[in-house]
Each structure stands twice: as C-alpha cells, then as structure tokens.
Amino acid sequence: MAGELEEFPFVDESTKGFALGFPLVQAKVLFKGYETNSWPGVSLVIGSFLPYGQGVLQPPGYGTFGFLIVSQSFGEDDAVLIHGNLGANYLRMDGKDELINTWGIGTQIRAIGGFHIVAELFSGDPYVPGSGVSYQVGFRHFFSNNLQIDGTIGDGIGGRTRLPFWFSAGVRIVFDFFHSAPY
C-alpha cells in the first residue's frame, strides 16, 4: 500500500518533553565522492529502526528506509555543499504496510575552521514516517572526517502530518571501512 499514514501516533504536540528513539541503524555507501567545482558525488543510505524508545520518538512499528544522495561541492575547501536526496520508507505498524516517499534538499556552508552552518528542507523524514514538509537549521562542527557534533532546530511547515517544533544535538562517529573520503 502506498501513501501517507492517516495518523502517526508519536507526532503529537500534546505530548511534549524528553524523547529518545533507538535503535536506529544505518549504513552509507559512497559510490563516488564529490569533486570541488566538478562532478557531484553519489551515495546510498539504507537503514532501519525498531519500536523502542521513550516519549514521542518511540516508533509504533518497524521501519526500513533508503535514499539516494547527490552531493555537489563549490568553492575552495568545500566552502558550500549542496545535497539532494530521494527515497522511500517502508513502515510496518499495526499489521499494515505503508510505503512513503521521501525527499530533501540541504546545504552545508563552511563558516570558520571546522564550523559549518546547515539548513535543509525535506518531506517524508525516514526517521519520523508519515511526516509532511519540514525545515531544519543549525550547525555542524568537524573535529575530523570521523568525528563531528551538530545541533539543529526545526519545524513542520506543511502536509497532513506536521512535525512539531524540535531541537536536537548529536555526535557522529564515522567508521570508514574502505578508504578516507569527506562526507
């Protein structure tokens, strides 16, 4: 069955507070790294989440997602990166199957040193299936290609199921099994 979920129980503005969703497992396969002011890079992300967590981020079912990413670099030392993605999310909840399309376009702009400004417009977030169009803005700081921290704020702006206002903070640890390339 394709389309959007009629209701997605963990997107509920009346349930505000601390939330934790886990485990989320994802892998990113880099088919071609981007080249500054040249050809874009192409990668594929596949992942899954399980129905464990606390608060509004506890998924009510199992989900598997995948999306193709095209990344373009402009300027010296990747001063501006633009990423576009297109994919799908399969959700199994209450004995029902849903296939939800996902898309996004975002940018990462180097401010100073390893500090970057990030922004994204997206729909059908694979981490919150059934969501409509949303935005997020924030920062990412690269200590290295393998260790980064980030923080964002965001809000839903359209669609039948709008995400409530959020903020997030995270740590990325990248395991590069094959070769070293910027992400």
N, C-alpha and C. Protein backbone atom coordinates (compact mmCIF):
# COMPACT_ATOMS: atom_id res chain seq x y z
N MET A 1 0.86 -1.17 0.00
CA MET A 1 0.00 0.00 0.00
C MET A 1 0.91 1.24 0.00
N ALA A 2 0.65 2.19 -0.86
CA ALA A 2 1.46 3.41 -0.92
C ALA A 2 0.64 4.58 -0.41
N GLY A 3 1.35 5.61 0.04
CA GLY A 3 0.67 6.81 0.50
C GLY A 3 1.12 7.21 1.89
N GLU A 4 0.44 8.19 2.45
CA GLU A 4 0.78 8.66 3.79
C GLU A 4 -0.13 8.03 4.82
N LEU A 5 0.38 7.88 6.01
CA LEU A 5 -0.42 7.35 7.11
C LEU A 5 -1.49 8.34 7.50
N GLU A 6 -2.65 7.84 7.84
CA GLU A 6 -3.73 8.72 8.29
C GLU A 6 -3.34 9.40 9.59
N GLU A 7 -2.83 8.62 10.53
CA GLU A 7 -2.39 9.17 11.81
C GLU A 7 -1.06 8.55 12.15
N PHE A 8 -0.19 9.29 12.74
CA PHE A 8 1.08 8.74 13.20
C PHE A 8 1.20 9.10 14.66
N PRO A 9 0.95 8.14 15.55
CA PRO A 9 0.74 8.42 16.98
C PRO A 9 1.87 9.16 17.68
N PHE A 10 3.13 9.01 17.24
CA PHE A 10 4.15 9.67 18.02
C PHE A 10 4.44 11.09 17.56
N VAL A 11 3.65 11.63 16.62
CA VAL A 11 3.73 13.04 16.26
C VAL A 11 2.51 13.70 16.88
N ASP A 12 2.63 14.10 18.13
CA ASP A 12 1.50 14.62 18.90
C ASP A 12 1.99 15.78 19.75
N GLU A 13 1.58 16.99 19.41
CA GLU A 13 2.08 18.17 20.12
C GLU A 13 1.65 18.22 21.58
N SER A 14 0.63 17.46 21.97
CA SER A 14 0.21 17.48 23.36
C SER A 14 1.15 16.65 24.24
N THR A 15 2.05 15.89 23.63
CA THR A 15 2.99 15.05 24.37
C THR A 15 4.38 15.65 24.24
N LYS A 16 4.64 16.73 24.95
CA LYS A 16 5.94 17.39 24.87
C LYS A 16 6.81 16.96 26.04
N GLY A 17 8.10 16.97 25.83
CA GLY A 17 9.02 16.58 26.88
C GLY A 17 10.19 15.82 26.29
N PHE A 18 10.97 15.22 27.16
CA PHE A 18 12.15 14.48 26.73
C PHE A 18 11.72 13.27 25.92
N ALA A 19 12.40 13.04 24.82
CA ALA A 19 12.10 11.89 23.98
C ALA A 19 13.40 11.26 23.51
N LEU A 20 13.36 9.97 23.33
CA LEU A 20 14.53 9.22 22.89
C LEU A 20 14.05 8.12 21.98
N GLY A 21 14.63 8.03 20.81
CA GLY A 21 14.29 6.97 19.89
C GLY A 21 15.52 6.12 19.62
N PHE A 22 15.39 4.81 19.71
CA PHE A 22 16.51 3.93 19.44
C PHE A 22 16.00 2.53 19.23
N PRO A 23 16.75 1.57 18.71
CA PRO A 23 17.98 1.86 17.98
C PRO A 23 17.65 2.20 16.53
N LEU A 24 18.44 3.05 15.96
CA LEU A 24 18.40 3.37 14.55
C LEU A 24 19.74 2.90 13.99
N VAL A 25 19.69 2.08 13.00
CA VAL A 25 20.90 1.56 12.38
C VAL A 25 20.87 1.99 10.93
N GLN A 26 21.96 2.59 10.47
CA GLN A 26 22.01 2.96 9.06
C GLN A 26 23.42 2.81 8.54
N ALA A 27 23.51 2.58 7.26
CA ALA A 27 24.79 2.47 6.57
C ALA A 27 24.75 3.39 5.36
N LYS A 28 25.88 3.98 5.08
CA LYS A 28 26.00 4.86 3.92
C LYS A 28 27.09 4.29 3.03
N VAL A 29 26.74 4.06 1.77
CA VAL A 29 27.69 3.54 0.80
C VAL A 29 28.01 4.67 -0.17
N LEU A 30 29.27 5.01 -0.24
CA LEU A 30 29.72 6.08 -1.14
C LEU A 30 30.12 5.45 -2.47
N PHE A 31 29.33 5.73 -3.52
CA PHE A 31 29.64 5.20 -4.84
C PHE A 31 30.70 6.05 -5.53
N LYS A 32 30.58 7.37 -5.36
CA LYS A 32 31.52 8.30 -5.98
C LYS A 32 31.59 9.53 -5.11
N GLY A 33 32.78 9.89 -4.66
CA GLY A 33 32.97 11.11 -3.88
C GLY A 33 32.79 12.33 -4.77
N TYR A 34 32.33 13.42 -4.17
CA TYR A 34 32.18 14.65 -4.94
C TYR A 34 33.54 15.28 -5.16
N GLU A 35 33.61 16.09 -6.22
CA GLU A 35 34.83 16.82 -6.54
C GLU A 35 34.50 18.31 -6.52
N THR A 36 35.30 19.10 -5.84
CA THR A 36 35.06 20.53 -5.72
C THR A 36 34.97 21.17 -7.10
N ASN A 37 33.91 21.93 -7.33
CA ASN A 37 33.66 22.64 -8.58
C ASN A 37 33.68 21.71 -9.80
N SER A 38 33.31 20.46 -9.61
CA SER A 38 33.32 19.50 -10.70
C SER A 38 32.12 18.57 -10.57
N TRP A 39 32.32 17.29 -10.76
CA TRP A 39 31.24 16.32 -10.75
C TRP A 39 30.72 16.08 -9.35
N PRO A 40 29.40 15.89 -9.22
CA PRO A 40 28.83 15.60 -7.90
C PRO A 40 29.15 14.19 -7.43
N GLY A 41 28.99 13.98 -6.14
CA GLY A 41 29.15 12.66 -5.55
C GLY A 41 27.80 11.97 -5.45
N VAL A 42 27.83 10.65 -5.36
CA VAL A 42 26.61 9.87 -5.26
C VAL A 42 26.79 8.83 -4.17
N SER A 43 25.80 8.73 -3.29
CA SER A 43 25.85 7.72 -2.22
C SER A 43 24.44 7.20 -1.96
N LEU A 44 24.38 6.10 -1.23
CA LEU A 44 23.13 5.46 -0.89
C LEU A 44 23.12 5.22 0.62
N VAL A 45 22.00 5.57 1.26
CA VAL A 45 21.81 5.31 2.68
C VAL A 45 20.69 4.29 2.82
N ILE A 46 20.93 3.26 3.61
CA ILE A 46 19.88 2.31 3.95
C ILE A 46 19.88 2.14 5.46
N GLY A 47 18.70 1.95 6.03
CA GLY A 47 18.65 1.83 7.48
C GLY A 47 17.35 1.25 7.96
N SER A 48 17.27 1.08 9.27
CA SER A 48 16.09 0.52 9.90
C SER A 48 16.01 1.03 11.33
N PHE A 49 14.78 1.13 11.83
CA PHE A 49 14.58 1.48 13.23
C PHE A 49 13.62 0.47 13.85
N LEU A 50 13.76 0.28 15.15
CA LEU A 50 12.96 -0.68 15.89
C LEU A 50 12.02 0.08 16.82
N PRO A 51 10.92 -0.54 17.27
CA PRO A 51 9.92 0.17 18.07
C PRO A 51 10.29 0.28 19.55
N TYR A 52 11.44 0.85 19.82
CA TYR A 52 11.88 1.06 21.20
C TYR A 52 12.21 2.53 21.38
N GLY A 53 12.02 3.06 22.57
CA GLY A 53 12.34 4.44 22.85
C GLY A 53 11.50 4.95 24.00
N GLN A 54 11.48 6.28 24.10
CA GLN A 54 10.73 6.93 25.17
C GLN A 54 10.10 8.19 24.62
N GLY A 55 8.88 8.48 25.02
CA GLY A 55 8.22 9.72 24.63
C GLY A 55 7.75 9.68 23.19
N VAL A 56 7.68 10.85 22.59
CA VAL A 56 7.10 10.99 21.26
C VAL A 56 7.93 10.37 20.16
N LEU A 57 9.20 10.03 20.44
CA LEU A 57 10.04 9.42 19.40
C LEU A 57 10.03 7.90 19.42
N GLN A 58 9.21 7.29 20.23
CA GLN A 58 9.11 5.83 20.25
C GLN A 58 8.26 5.39 19.07
N PRO A 59 8.87 4.80 18.05
CA PRO A 59 8.09 4.38 16.88
C PRO A 59 7.08 3.30 17.24
N PRO A 60 5.89 3.35 16.64
CA PRO A 60 4.86 2.36 16.92
C PRO A 60 4.99 1.10 16.06
N GLY A 61 6.07 0.98 15.29
CA GLY A 61 6.27 -0.18 14.44
C GLY A 61 7.70 -0.25 13.96
N TYR A 62 7.92 -1.13 13.01
CA TYR A 62 9.25 -1.31 12.43
C TYR A 62 9.33 -0.53 11.13
N GLY A 63 10.50 0.03 10.84
CA GLY A 63 10.65 0.78 9.60
C GLY A 63 11.97 0.48 8.94
N THR A 64 11.96 0.50 7.63
CA THR A 64 13.16 0.35 6.83
C THR A 64 13.13 1.46 5.80
N PHE A 65 14.26 2.10 5.58
CA PHE A 65 14.29 3.21 4.64
C PHE A 65 15.55 3.16 3.80
N GLY A 66 15.48 3.87 2.69
CA GLY A 66 16.64 4.02 1.82
C GLY A 66 16.48 5.29 1.03
N PHE A 67 17.60 5.95 0.77
CA PHE A 67 17.56 7.12 -0.09
C PHE A 67 18.88 7.32 -0.80
N LEU A 68 18.80 7.82 -2.01
CA LEU A 68 19.95 8.13 -2.85
C LEU A 68 20.29 9.59 -2.64
N ILE A 69 21.57 9.88 -2.45
CA ILE A 69 22.02 11.26 -2.21
C ILE A 69 22.96 11.68 -3.33
N VAL A 70 22.75 12.89 -3.83
CA VAL A 70 23.67 13.53 -4.77
C VAL A 70 24.21 14.76 -4.06
N SER A 71 25.55 14.88 -3.99
CA SER A 71 26.20 15.99 -3.27
C SER A 71 27.12 16.75 -4.21
N GLN A 72 27.02 18.08 -4.18
CA GLN A 72 27.85 18.93 -5.02
C GLN A 72 28.62 19.90 -4.15
N SER A 73 29.90 20.08 -4.44
CA SER A 73 30.78 20.97 -3.70
C SER A 73 31.14 22.18 -4.55
N PHE A 74 31.10 23.36 -3.90
CA PHE A 74 31.50 24.60 -4.57
C PHE A 74 32.51 25.33 -3.69
N GLY A 75 33.50 25.95 -4.30
CA GLY A 75 34.44 26.79 -3.58
C GLY A 75 35.60 26.01 -2.97
N GLU A 76 36.61 26.76 -2.61
CA GLU A 76 37.82 26.19 -2.02
C GLU A 76 37.51 25.48 -0.71
N ASP A 77 38.10 24.31 -0.52
CA ASP A 77 37.92 23.50 0.69
C ASP A 77 36.45 23.23 1.00
N ASP A 78 35.66 22.96 -0.04
CA ASP A 78 34.24 22.64 0.13
C ASP A 78 33.51 23.74 0.90
N ALA A 79 33.67 24.97 0.48
CA ALA A 79 33.06 26.11 1.16
C ALA A 79 31.54 25.97 1.23
N VAL A 80 30.92 25.45 0.17
CA VAL A 80 29.48 25.24 0.14
C VAL A 80 29.20 23.85 -0.43
N LEU A 81 28.44 23.08 0.32
CA LEU A 81 27.98 21.78 -0.16
C LEU A 81 26.47 21.84 -0.32
N ILE A 82 25.97 21.25 -1.40
CA ILE A 82 24.53 21.13 -1.60
C ILE A 82 24.23 19.64 -1.77
N HIS A 83 23.24 19.16 -1.01
CA HIS A 83 22.86 17.76 -1.05
C HIS A 83 21.39 17.66 -1.44
N GLY A 84 21.08 16.73 -2.31
CA GLY A 84 19.70 16.40 -2.64
C GLY A 84 19.50 14.92 -2.43
N ASN A 85 18.34 14.52 -1.92
CA ASN A 85 18.09 13.10 -1.75
C ASN A 85 16.66 12.75 -2.13
N LEU A 86 16.50 11.50 -2.53
CA LEU A 86 15.21 10.97 -2.93
C LEU A 86 15.16 9.53 -2.48
N GLY A 87 14.06 9.13 -1.83
CA GLY A 87 14.00 7.77 -1.33
C GLY A 87 12.62 7.34 -0.93
N ALA A 88 12.59 6.28 -0.12
CA ALA A 88 11.32 5.72 0.35
C ALA A 88 11.51 5.13 1.73
N ASN A 89 10.39 5.03 2.46
CA ASN A 89 10.38 4.47 3.79
C ASN A 89 9.25 3.44 3.84
N TYR A 90 9.60 2.22 4.21
CA TYR A 90 8.60 1.17 4.40
C TYR A 90 8.35 1.06 5.89
N LEU A 91 7.08 1.12 6.30
CA LEU A 91 6.72 1.05 7.70
C LEU A 91 5.73 -0.08 7.90
N ARG A 92 5.98 -0.90 8.92
CA ARG A 92 5.07 -1.97 9.33
C ARG A 92 4.53 -1.62 10.70
N MET A 93 3.22 -1.26 10.77
CA MET A 93 2.62 -0.82 12.03
C MET A 93 1.20 -1.36 12.11
N ASP A 94 0.86 -1.97 13.23
CA ASP A 94 -0.49 -2.50 13.48
C ASP A 94 -0.97 -3.41 12.34
N GLY A 95 -0.06 -4.23 11.82
CA GLY A 95 -0.43 -5.16 10.76
C GLY A 95 -0.63 -4.53 9.40
N LYS A 96 -0.31 -3.26 9.26
CA LYS A 96 -0.47 -2.56 7.99
C LYS A 96 0.90 -2.22 7.42
N ASP A 97 0.98 -2.20 6.09
CA ASP A 97 2.20 -1.84 5.39
C ASP A 97 2.01 -0.48 4.74
N GLU A 98 3.00 0.37 4.88
CA GLU A 98 2.97 1.69 4.25
C GLU A 98 4.29 1.92 3.53
N LEU A 99 4.23 2.50 2.34
CA LEU A 99 5.41 2.92 1.60
C LEU A 99 5.30 4.43 1.41
N ILE A 100 6.24 5.15 1.97
CA ILE A 100 6.19 6.61 2.00
C ILE A 100 7.38 7.17 1.23
N ASN A 101 7.12 8.06 0.28
CA ASN A 101 8.20 8.71 -0.46
C ASN A 101 8.89 9.75 0.42
N THR A 102 10.19 9.90 0.23
CA THR A 102 10.96 10.90 0.96
C THR A 102 11.79 11.72 -0.02
N TRP A 103 12.04 12.98 0.33
CA TRP A 103 12.93 13.83 -0.45
C TRP A 103 13.50 14.91 0.45
N GLY A 104 14.59 15.48 0.04
CA GLY A 104 15.18 16.57 0.79
C GLY A 104 16.21 17.32 -0.04
N ILE A 105 16.41 18.58 0.30
CA ILE A 105 17.47 19.38 -0.29
C ILE A 105 18.07 20.21 0.84
N GLY A 106 19.39 20.19 0.93
CA GLY A 106 20.03 20.89 2.03
C GLY A 106 21.37 21.46 1.63
N THR A 107 21.93 22.24 2.54
CA THR A 107 23.24 22.84 2.30
C THR A 107 24.06 22.83 3.58
N GLN A 108 25.35 22.86 3.39
CA GLN A 108 26.30 22.97 4.49
C GLN A 108 27.32 24.02 4.06
N ILE A 109 27.43 25.09 4.81
CA ILE A 109 28.29 26.22 4.44
C ILE A 109 29.37 26.38 5.50
N ARG A 110 30.63 26.33 5.06
CA ARG A 110 31.76 26.48 5.99
C ARG A 110 31.78 27.93 6.50
N ALA A 111 31.77 28.09 7.82
CA ALA A 111 31.82 29.42 8.43
C ALA A 111 33.26 29.77 8.81
N ILE A 112 33.87 28.95 9.65
CA ILE A 112 35.25 29.17 10.06
C ILE A 112 35.83 27.85 10.58
N GLY A 113 37.01 27.51 10.11
CA GLY A 113 37.63 26.26 10.53
C GLY A 113 36.72 25.08 10.22
N GLY A 114 36.46 24.25 11.23
CA GLY A 114 35.60 23.10 11.07
C GLY A 114 34.13 23.38 11.34
N PHE A 115 33.78 24.66 11.62
CA PHE A 115 32.41 25.02 11.96
C PHE A 115 31.61 25.35 10.70
N HIS A 116 30.44 24.72 10.55
CA HIS A 116 29.59 24.88 9.38
C HIS A 116 28.16 25.23 9.80
N ILE A 117 27.48 26.00 8.95
CA ILE A 117 26.06 26.29 9.09
C ILE A 117 25.33 25.28 8.18
N VAL A 118 24.24 24.67 8.68
CA VAL A 118 23.50 23.71 7.89
C VAL A 118 22.03 24.11 7.81
N ALA A 119 21.38 23.76 6.71
CA ALA A 119 19.95 24.01 6.53
C ALA A 119 19.40 22.94 5.59
N GLU A 120 18.14 22.56 5.83
CA GLU A 120 17.54 21.53 4.99
C GLU A 120 16.02 21.71 4.94
N LEU A 121 15.45 21.44 3.78
CA LEU A 121 14.02 21.36 3.57
C LEU A 121 13.75 19.92 3.14
N PHE A 122 12.79 19.24 3.79
CA PHE A 122 12.60 17.83 3.49
C PHE A 122 11.14 17.43 3.71
N SER A 123 10.80 16.26 3.17
CA SER A 123 9.46 15.71 3.34
C SER A 123 9.55 14.20 3.46
N GLY A 124 8.67 13.64 4.31
CA GLY A 124 8.69 12.19 4.49
C GLY A 124 9.94 11.74 5.21
N ASP A 125 10.31 12.43 6.27
CA ASP A 125 11.50 12.11 7.03
C ASP A 125 11.56 10.62 7.35
N PRO A 126 12.63 9.91 6.94
CA PRO A 126 12.69 8.48 7.21
C PRO A 126 12.76 8.14 8.69
N TYR A 127 13.13 9.09 9.53
CA TYR A 127 13.21 8.83 10.96
C TYR A 127 11.87 9.07 11.65
N VAL A 128 10.95 9.78 10.98
CA VAL A 128 9.61 10.03 11.51
C VAL A 128 8.63 9.79 10.35
N PRO A 129 8.34 8.54 10.06
CA PRO A 129 7.48 8.22 8.91
C PRO A 129 6.12 8.89 8.99
N GLY A 130 5.64 9.32 7.83
CA GLY A 130 4.33 9.95 7.74
C GLY A 130 4.36 11.45 7.87
N SER A 131 5.55 12.02 8.15
CA SER A 131 5.63 13.47 8.34
C SER A 131 5.56 14.18 6.99
N GLY A 132 5.07 15.42 7.03
CA GLY A 132 4.98 16.26 5.84
C GLY A 132 6.26 17.05 5.62
N VAL A 133 6.13 18.20 4.99
CA VAL A 133 7.28 19.06 4.68
C VAL A 133 7.74 19.75 5.96
N SER A 134 9.05 19.76 6.18
CA SER A 134 9.65 20.37 7.36
C SER A 134 10.95 21.06 6.98
N TYR A 135 11.45 21.90 7.89
CA TYR A 135 12.76 22.51 7.70
C TYR A 135 13.57 22.29 8.97
N GLN A 136 14.90 22.38 8.82
CA GLN A 136 15.78 22.43 9.98
C GLN A 136 16.98 23.29 9.64
N VAL A 137 17.48 24.01 10.64
CA VAL A 137 18.68 24.83 10.50
C VAL A 137 19.54 24.61 11.74
N GLY A 138 20.84 24.79 11.57
CA GLY A 138 21.72 24.59 12.72
C GLY A 138 23.17 24.65 12.35
N PHE A 139 23.98 23.85 13.06
CA PHE A 139 25.42 23.85 12.84
C PHE A 139 25.95 22.42 12.86
N ARG A 140 27.12 22.25 12.27
CA ARG A 140 27.88 21.01 12.37
C ARG A 140 29.34 21.42 12.53
N HIS A 141 30.02 20.82 13.50
CA HIS A 141 31.45 21.08 13.68
C HIS A 141 32.22 19.79 13.45
N PHE A 142 33.17 19.87 12.51
CA PHE A 142 34.02 18.73 12.18
C PHE A 142 35.31 18.81 12.98
N PHE A 143 35.50 17.84 13.86
CA PHE A 143 36.81 17.69 14.51
C PHE A 143 37.73 16.93 13.57
N SER A 144 37.13 16.03 12.78
CA SER A 144 37.80 15.27 11.73
C SER A 144 36.72 14.71 10.82
N ASN A 145 37.11 14.01 9.77
CA ASN A 145 36.11 13.37 8.90
C ASN A 145 35.38 12.26 9.65
N ASN A 146 35.94 11.80 10.77
CA ASN A 146 35.35 10.69 11.50
C ASN A 146 34.64 11.10 12.79
N LEU A 147 34.77 12.36 13.22
CA LEU A 147 34.13 12.80 14.46
C LEU A 147 33.55 14.20 14.26
N GLN A 148 32.22 14.31 14.47
CA GLN A 148 31.52 15.59 14.28
C GLN A 148 30.45 15.74 15.36
N ILE A 149 30.13 16.97 15.68
CA ILE A 149 28.98 17.26 16.54
C ILE A 149 28.04 18.17 15.76
N ASP A 150 26.76 18.12 16.10
CA ASP A 150 25.82 19.00 15.41
C ASP A 150 24.66 19.35 16.32
N GLY A 151 23.97 20.40 15.95
CA GLY A 151 22.76 20.85 16.64
C GLY A 151 21.85 21.51 15.64
N THR A 152 20.54 21.25 15.76
CA THR A 152 19.57 21.86 14.85
C THR A 152 18.29 22.22 15.59
N ILE A 153 17.55 23.11 14.97
CA ILE A 153 16.16 23.36 15.34
C ILE A 153 15.35 23.19 14.07
N GLY A 154 14.08 22.87 14.21
CA GLY A 154 13.26 22.68 13.03
C GLY A 154 11.79 22.69 13.37
N ASP A 155 10.98 22.63 12.32
CA ASP A 155 9.53 22.67 12.49
C ASP A 155 8.87 22.14 11.23
N GLY A 156 7.68 21.57 11.38
CA GLY A 156 6.89 21.16 10.24
C GLY A 156 6.20 22.37 9.63
N ILE A 157 6.14 22.42 8.31
CA ILE A 157 5.53 23.58 7.65
C ILE A 157 4.42 23.20 6.67
N GLY A 158 4.18 21.90 6.48
CA GLY A 158 3.13 21.51 5.55
C GLY A 158 2.86 20.03 5.60
N GLY A 159 1.80 19.63 4.90
CA GLY A 159 1.42 18.23 4.85
C GLY A 159 0.35 17.89 5.86
N ARG A 160 -0.20 16.70 5.71
CA ARG A 160 -1.26 16.26 6.63
C ARG A 160 -0.74 16.02 8.03
N THR A 161 0.48 15.52 8.16
CA THR A 161 1.08 15.26 9.47
C THR A 161 2.29 16.17 9.62
N ARG A 162 2.13 17.27 10.35
CA ARG A 162 3.21 18.24 10.53
C ARG A 162 3.99 17.90 11.79
N LEU A 163 5.31 17.93 11.66
CA LEU A 163 6.15 17.71 12.83
C LEU A 163 6.05 18.92 13.75
N PRO A 164 6.08 18.71 15.07
CA PRO A 164 6.11 19.85 15.99
C PRO A 164 7.52 20.46 16.02
N PHE A 165 7.64 21.67 16.55
CA PHE A 165 8.94 22.32 16.69
C PHE A 165 9.87 21.39 17.49
N TRP A 166 11.14 21.30 17.07
CA TRP A 166 12.11 20.46 17.78
C TRP A 166 13.47 21.12 17.82
N PHE A 167 14.30 20.60 18.69
CA PHE A 167 15.73 20.90 18.66
C PHE A 167 16.45 19.61 18.92
N SER A 168 17.66 19.51 18.40
CA SER A 168 18.42 18.27 18.55
C SER A 168 19.90 18.57 18.69
N ALA A 169 20.61 17.64 19.25
CA ALA A 169 22.06 17.69 19.34
C ALA A 169 22.56 16.28 19.11
N GLY A 170 23.69 16.16 18.46
CA GLY A 170 24.18 14.82 18.17
C GLY A 170 25.67 14.74 18.01
N VAL A 171 26.15 13.54 18.06
CA VAL A 171 27.55 13.21 17.81
C VAL A 171 27.56 12.20 16.68
N ARG A 172 28.41 12.44 15.69
CA ARG A 172 28.57 11.47 14.60
C ARG A 172 29.94 10.86 14.72
N ILE A 173 29.95 9.55 14.71
CA ILE A 173 31.20 8.82 14.65
C ILE A 173 31.14 8.01 13.36
N VAL A 174 32.05 8.29 12.46
CA VAL A 174 32.04 7.67 11.14
C VAL A 174 33.11 6.59 11.09
N PHE A 175 32.69 5.39 10.73
CA PHE A 175 33.63 4.29 10.54
C PHE A 175 33.84 4.13 9.05
N ASP A 176 35.04 4.37 8.62
CA ASP A 176 35.37 4.30 7.20
C ASP A 176 36.13 3.00 6.96
N PHE A 177 35.40 2.00 6.47
CA PHE A 177 35.99 0.67 6.32
C PHE A 177 36.84 0.52 5.06
N PHE A 178 36.65 1.37 4.07
CA PHE A 178 37.32 1.15 2.81
C PHE A 178 38.39 2.17 2.47
N HIS A 179 38.09 3.45 2.64
CA HIS A 179 39.08 4.49 2.37
C HIS A 179 38.60 5.78 3.00
N SER A 180 39.47 6.75 3.10
CA SER A 180 39.12 8.01 3.74
C SER A 180 38.60 8.99 2.69
N ALA A 181 37.35 9.47 2.87
CA ALA A 181 36.76 10.44 1.95
C ALA A 181 35.86 11.37 2.75
N PRO A 182 35.76 12.64 2.35
CA PRO A 182 34.88 13.56 3.09
C PRO A 182 33.43 13.17 2.92
N TYR A 183 32.62 13.35 3.97
CA TYR A 183 31.20 13.02 3.95
C TYR A 183 30.39 14.27 4.00
